Amino acid sequence: MSWIVLVLSGLLEAVWATALSRSEGFSNVVPSIVFGVALVASMGGLAFALRDLPVGTAYAVWVGIGAATTVAWAMATGAEPVSVVRVLLIAGLIGCVIGLKLTH
């Protein structure tokens, strides 16, 4: 259960990071609210997962999922350029996250 919550929390990290970008310094209300809700839920999920998982592994997985998802979303929406090198680097990051899970 902790791993499922951790993965969902990592996905929510991508939500709050994207919402933070779109809030334009908290001047846009809806993205600002999405940021706040996603941030609290993401941190709460990480805190829950840390009850059973080692902090180093859990934090690395949480950040890795959040970073990979944020970049993938930005590339999918055209906010960031897509290149073979960038896709391979994201795949490598995902591979490292999977490796951390498998070695736990």
N, C-alpha and C. Protein backbone atom coordinates (compact mmCIF):
# COMPACT_ATOMS: atom_id res chain seq x y z
N MET A 1 0.82 -1.20 0.00
CA MET A 1 0.00 0.00 0.00
C MET A 1 0.86 1.26 0.00
N SER A 2 1.96 1.24 0.75
CA SER A 2 2.83 2.42 0.82
C SER A 2 3.40 2.78 -0.55
N TRP A 3 3.75 1.75 -1.34
CA TRP A 3 4.30 2.02 -2.67
C TRP A 3 3.26 2.66 -3.58
N ILE A 4 2.03 2.20 -3.50
CA ILE A 4 0.96 2.77 -4.33
C ILE A 4 0.75 4.24 -3.96
N VAL A 5 0.68 4.52 -2.67
CA VAL A 5 0.49 5.89 -2.20
C VAL A 5 1.68 6.75 -2.63
N LEU A 6 2.89 6.20 -2.56
CA LEU A 6 4.08 6.95 -2.96
C LEU A 6 4.05 7.30 -4.44
N VAL A 7 3.66 6.36 -5.27
CA VAL A 7 3.57 6.63 -6.72
C VAL A 7 2.52 7.70 -7.00
N LEU A 8 1.36 7.59 -6.37
CA LEU A 8 0.31 8.60 -6.56
C LEU A 8 0.79 9.97 -6.07
N SER A 9 1.52 9.99 -4.97
CA SER A 9 2.05 11.25 -4.45
C SER A 9 3.08 11.85 -5.40
N GLY A 10 3.87 10.99 -6.04
CA GLY A 10 4.82 11.46 -7.04
C GLY A 10 4.12 12.08 -8.24
N LEU A 11 3.02 11.47 -8.65
CA LEU A 11 2.23 12.04 -9.74
C LEU A 11 1.64 13.39 -9.35
N LEU A 12 1.20 13.49 -8.09
CA LEU A 12 0.67 14.76 -7.61
C LEU A 12 1.75 15.83 -7.53
N GLU A 13 3.00 15.41 -7.36
CA GLU A 13 4.09 16.39 -7.39
C GLU A 13 4.15 17.06 -8.76
N ALA A 14 3.94 16.28 -9.80
CA ALA A 14 3.92 16.85 -11.15
C ALA A 14 2.75 17.81 -11.32
N VAL A 15 1.61 17.48 -10.70
CA VAL A 15 0.43 18.35 -10.77
C VAL A 15 0.74 19.68 -10.12
N TRP A 16 1.29 19.64 -8.88
CA TRP A 16 1.52 20.92 -8.21
C TRP A 16 2.63 21.73 -8.87
N ALA A 17 3.63 21.07 -9.43
CA ALA A 17 4.69 21.80 -10.11
C ALA A 17 4.16 22.51 -11.35
N THR A 18 3.33 21.80 -12.09
CA THR A 18 2.73 22.39 -13.30
C THR A 18 1.77 23.52 -12.93
N ALA A 19 0.96 23.29 -11.90
CA ALA A 19 0.02 24.33 -11.45
C ALA A 19 0.77 25.56 -10.94
N LEU A 20 1.88 25.35 -10.26
CA LEU A 20 2.68 26.47 -9.77
C LEU A 20 3.17 27.32 -10.93
N SER A 21 3.61 26.66 -11.98
CA SER A 21 4.06 27.38 -13.17
C SER A 21 2.91 28.18 -13.80
N ARG A 22 1.76 27.58 -13.84
CA ARG A 22 0.60 28.25 -14.47
C ARG A 22 -0.07 29.28 -13.59
N SER A 23 0.28 29.29 -12.30
CA SER A 23 -0.34 30.28 -11.40
C SER A 23 0.23 31.68 -11.61
N GLU A 24 1.34 31.77 -12.31
CA GLU A 24 2.00 33.05 -12.60
C GLU A 24 2.18 33.87 -11.32
N GLY A 25 2.92 33.27 -10.37
CA GLY A 25 3.18 33.96 -9.11
C GLY A 25 1.96 34.08 -8.24
N PHE A 26 1.09 33.09 -8.31
CA PHE A 26 -0.17 33.03 -7.54
C PHE A 26 -1.15 34.13 -7.93
N SER A 27 -1.01 34.68 -9.14
CA SER A 27 -1.95 35.70 -9.60
C SER A 27 -3.17 35.09 -10.29
N ASN A 28 -3.07 33.83 -10.74
CA ASN A 28 -4.22 33.12 -11.30
C ASN A 28 -4.81 32.22 -10.22
N VAL A 29 -6.08 32.40 -9.93
CA VAL A 29 -6.70 31.75 -8.79
C VAL A 29 -6.79 30.23 -8.95
N VAL A 30 -7.32 29.75 -10.06
CA VAL A 30 -7.56 28.31 -10.21
C VAL A 30 -6.26 27.51 -10.14
N PRO A 31 -5.23 27.87 -10.91
CA PRO A 31 -3.98 27.11 -10.77
C PRO A 31 -3.39 27.23 -9.36
N SER A 32 -3.59 28.34 -8.70
CA SER A 32 -3.08 28.51 -7.33
C SER A 32 -3.78 27.55 -6.37
N ILE A 33 -5.08 27.39 -6.54
CA ILE A 33 -5.84 26.45 -5.69
C ILE A 33 -5.41 25.02 -6.00
N VAL A 34 -5.28 24.69 -7.28
CA VAL A 34 -4.83 23.34 -7.67
C VAL A 34 -3.45 23.07 -7.07
N PHE A 35 -2.57 24.06 -7.12
CA PHE A 35 -1.24 23.92 -6.52
C PHE A 35 -1.35 23.57 -5.04
N GLY A 36 -2.13 24.34 -4.30
CA GLY A 36 -2.25 24.12 -2.86
C GLY A 36 -2.80 22.76 -2.50
N VAL A 37 -3.86 22.36 -3.18
CA VAL A 37 -4.49 21.06 -2.90
C VAL A 37 -3.55 19.92 -3.26
N ALA A 38 -2.93 20.00 -4.44
CA ALA A 38 -2.02 18.94 -4.88
C ALA A 38 -0.78 18.88 -3.99
N LEU A 39 -0.29 20.02 -3.55
CA LEU A 39 0.89 20.04 -2.68
C LEU A 39 0.60 19.35 -1.35
N VAL A 40 -0.52 19.70 -0.73
CA VAL A 40 -0.87 19.08 0.55
C VAL A 40 -1.08 17.58 0.39
N ALA A 41 -1.79 17.18 -0.67
CA ALA A 41 -2.04 15.76 -0.90
C ALA A 41 -0.74 15.01 -1.20
N SER A 42 0.14 15.61 -1.99
CA SER A 42 1.40 14.98 -2.33
C SER A 42 2.28 14.80 -1.10
N MET A 43 2.40 15.84 -0.30
CA MET A 43 3.21 15.75 0.91
C MET A 43 2.59 14.77 1.92
N GLY A 44 1.28 14.79 2.01
CA GLY A 44 0.60 13.86 2.91
C GLY A 44 0.83 12.41 2.50
N GLY A 45 0.79 12.15 1.20
CA GLY A 45 1.05 10.81 0.70
C GLY A 45 2.49 10.38 0.95
N LEU A 46 3.42 11.31 0.77
CA LEU A 46 4.83 11.01 1.05
C LEU A 46 5.00 10.69 2.54
N ALA A 47 4.38 11.49 3.39
CA ALA A 47 4.47 11.25 4.83
C ALA A 47 3.90 9.88 5.20
N PHE A 48 2.78 9.52 4.57
CA PHE A 48 2.18 8.20 4.82
C PHE A 48 3.14 7.08 4.41
N ALA A 49 3.73 7.22 3.21
CA ALA A 49 4.63 6.19 2.70
C ALA A 49 5.88 6.05 3.57
N LEU A 50 6.32 7.15 4.16
CA LEU A 50 7.53 7.12 4.98
C LEU A 50 7.34 6.35 6.28
N ARG A 51 6.11 6.01 6.62
CA ARG A 51 5.88 5.18 7.80
C ARG A 51 6.43 3.77 7.59
N ASP A 52 6.48 3.32 6.33
CA ASP A 52 6.92 1.95 6.02
C ASP A 52 8.19 1.88 5.18
N LEU A 53 8.52 2.94 4.47
CA LEU A 53 9.64 2.91 3.53
C LEU A 53 10.81 3.75 4.04
N PRO A 54 12.03 3.38 3.69
CA PRO A 54 13.17 4.19 4.09
C PRO A 54 13.14 5.56 3.40
N VAL A 55 13.53 6.58 4.13
CA VAL A 55 13.40 7.95 3.64
C VAL A 55 14.18 8.19 2.35
N GLY A 56 15.39 7.68 2.25
CA GLY A 56 16.19 7.90 1.05
C GLY A 56 15.55 7.33 -0.21
N THR A 57 15.10 6.10 -0.11
CA THR A 57 14.46 5.44 -1.24
C THR A 57 13.14 6.12 -1.59
N ALA A 58 12.31 6.36 -0.57
CA ALA A 58 10.99 6.94 -0.82
C ALA A 58 11.11 8.33 -1.43
N TYR A 59 12.02 9.14 -0.90
CA TYR A 59 12.17 10.50 -1.42
C TYR A 59 12.69 10.48 -2.85
N ALA A 60 13.66 9.62 -3.13
CA ALA A 60 14.19 9.53 -4.49
C ALA A 60 13.13 9.08 -5.48
N VAL A 61 12.31 8.12 -5.10
CA VAL A 61 11.23 7.65 -5.97
C VAL A 61 10.20 8.76 -6.17
N TRP A 62 9.83 9.44 -5.11
CA TRP A 62 8.83 10.52 -5.17
C TRP A 62 9.30 11.64 -6.11
N VAL A 63 10.55 12.07 -5.92
CA VAL A 63 11.09 13.14 -6.76
C VAL A 63 11.26 12.66 -8.20
N GLY A 64 11.74 11.44 -8.37
CA GLY A 64 11.94 10.91 -9.73
C GLY A 64 10.65 10.83 -10.51
N ILE A 65 9.61 10.32 -9.87
CA ILE A 65 8.30 10.24 -10.54
C ILE A 65 7.80 11.63 -10.86
N GLY A 66 7.91 12.53 -9.89
CA GLY A 66 7.44 13.90 -10.11
C GLY A 66 8.20 14.59 -11.23
N ALA A 67 9.51 14.46 -11.22
CA ALA A 67 10.33 15.12 -12.25
C ALA A 67 10.06 14.55 -13.64
N ALA A 68 10.05 13.23 -13.74
CA ALA A 68 9.81 12.59 -15.04
C ALA A 68 8.44 12.94 -15.59
N THR A 69 7.43 12.92 -14.72
CA THR A 69 6.07 13.23 -15.17
C THR A 69 5.93 14.69 -15.55
N THR A 70 6.56 15.57 -14.79
CA THR A 70 6.50 17.01 -15.10
C THR A 70 7.12 17.30 -16.46
N VAL A 71 8.30 16.73 -16.71
CA VAL A 71 8.97 16.96 -17.99
C VAL A 71 8.19 16.32 -19.14
N ALA A 72 7.71 15.11 -18.93
CA ALA A 72 6.94 14.43 -19.98
C ALA A 72 5.68 15.22 -20.32
N TRP A 73 5.00 15.74 -19.30
CA TRP A 73 3.79 16.54 -19.54
C TRP A 73 4.15 17.83 -20.30
N ALA A 74 5.22 18.47 -19.89
CA ALA A 74 5.63 19.71 -20.57
C ALA A 74 5.98 19.45 -22.03
N MET A 75 6.63 18.33 -22.29
CA MET A 75 6.95 18.00 -23.69
C MET A 75 5.68 17.64 -24.46
N ALA A 76 4.75 16.92 -23.83
CA ALA A 76 3.51 16.52 -24.50
C ALA A 76 2.63 17.73 -24.84
N THR A 77 2.69 18.76 -24.00
CA THR A 77 1.86 19.94 -24.23
C THR A 77 2.55 21.01 -25.06
N GLY A 78 3.81 20.77 -25.40
CA GLY A 78 4.55 21.73 -26.21
C GLY A 78 5.23 22.82 -25.41
N ALA A 79 5.19 22.76 -24.10
CA ALA A 79 5.83 23.77 -23.27
C ALA A 79 7.36 23.63 -23.27
N GLU A 80 7.84 22.42 -23.54
CA GLU A 80 9.27 22.17 -23.63
C GLU A 80 9.55 21.36 -24.89
N PRO A 81 10.73 21.53 -25.47
CA PRO A 81 11.05 20.80 -26.70
C PRO A 81 11.23 19.30 -26.45
N VAL A 82 10.93 18.53 -27.49
CA VAL A 82 11.10 17.08 -27.45
C VAL A 82 12.34 16.73 -28.28
N SER A 83 13.18 15.88 -27.72
CA SER A 83 14.32 15.38 -28.48
C SER A 83 14.58 13.95 -28.03
N VAL A 84 15.30 13.23 -28.85
CA VAL A 84 15.63 11.85 -28.52
C VAL A 84 16.44 11.79 -27.23
N VAL A 85 17.38 12.69 -27.08
CA VAL A 85 18.21 12.70 -25.88
C VAL A 85 17.36 12.94 -24.63
N ARG A 86 16.44 13.89 -24.68
CA ARG A 86 15.58 14.17 -23.53
C ARG A 86 14.71 12.96 -23.19
N VAL A 87 14.15 12.32 -24.19
CA VAL A 87 13.32 11.14 -23.95
C VAL A 87 14.15 10.01 -23.34
N LEU A 88 15.36 9.81 -23.85
CA LEU A 88 16.24 8.77 -23.28
C LEU A 88 16.63 9.09 -21.84
N LEU A 89 16.86 10.34 -21.53
CA LEU A 89 17.21 10.72 -20.16
C LEU A 89 16.02 10.50 -19.21
N ILE A 90 14.83 10.81 -19.66
CA ILE A 90 13.64 10.55 -18.83
C ILE A 90 13.47 9.04 -18.64
N ALA A 91 13.68 8.28 -19.70
CA ALA A 91 13.59 6.81 -19.58
C ALA A 91 14.62 6.29 -18.59
N GLY A 92 15.81 6.86 -18.60
CA GLY A 92 16.83 6.47 -17.64
C GLY A 92 16.42 6.79 -16.21
N LEU A 93 15.81 7.95 -16.03
CA LEU A 93 15.31 8.33 -14.70
C LEU A 93 14.24 7.36 -14.22
N ILE A 94 13.33 7.01 -15.10
CA ILE A 94 12.29 6.05 -14.75
C ILE A 94 12.90 4.68 -14.43
N GLY A 95 13.91 4.29 -15.21
CA GLY A 95 14.60 3.03 -14.93
C GLY A 95 15.25 3.02 -13.56
N CYS A 96 15.83 4.15 -13.17
CA CYS A 96 16.45 4.24 -11.84
C CYS A 96 15.39 4.15 -10.74
N VAL A 97 14.24 4.77 -10.94
CA VAL A 97 13.15 4.68 -9.96
C VAL A 97 12.68 3.23 -9.82
N ILE A 98 12.52 2.56 -10.93
CA ILE A 98 12.13 1.14 -10.89
C ILE A 98 13.20 0.32 -10.19
N GLY A 99 14.45 0.62 -10.45
CA GLY A 99 15.53 -0.09 -9.79
C GLY A 99 15.51 0.09 -8.29
N LEU A 100 15.20 1.30 -7.82
CA LEU A 100 15.08 1.52 -6.38
C LEU A 100 13.97 0.70 -5.78
N LYS A 101 12.86 0.60 -6.51
CA LYS A 101 11.73 -0.21 -6.01
C LYS A 101 12.12 -1.68 -5.95
N LEU A 102 12.78 -2.18 -6.98
CA LEU A 102 13.12 -3.59 -7.07
C LEU A 102 14.18 -4.00 -6.05
N THR A 103 15.03 -3.06 -5.64
CA THR A 103 16.07 -3.41 -4.68
C THR A 103 15.64 -3.20 -3.24
N HIS A 104 14.43 -2.72 -3.04
CA HIS A 104 13.95 -2.48 -1.67
C HIS A 104 13.70 -3.78 -0.94
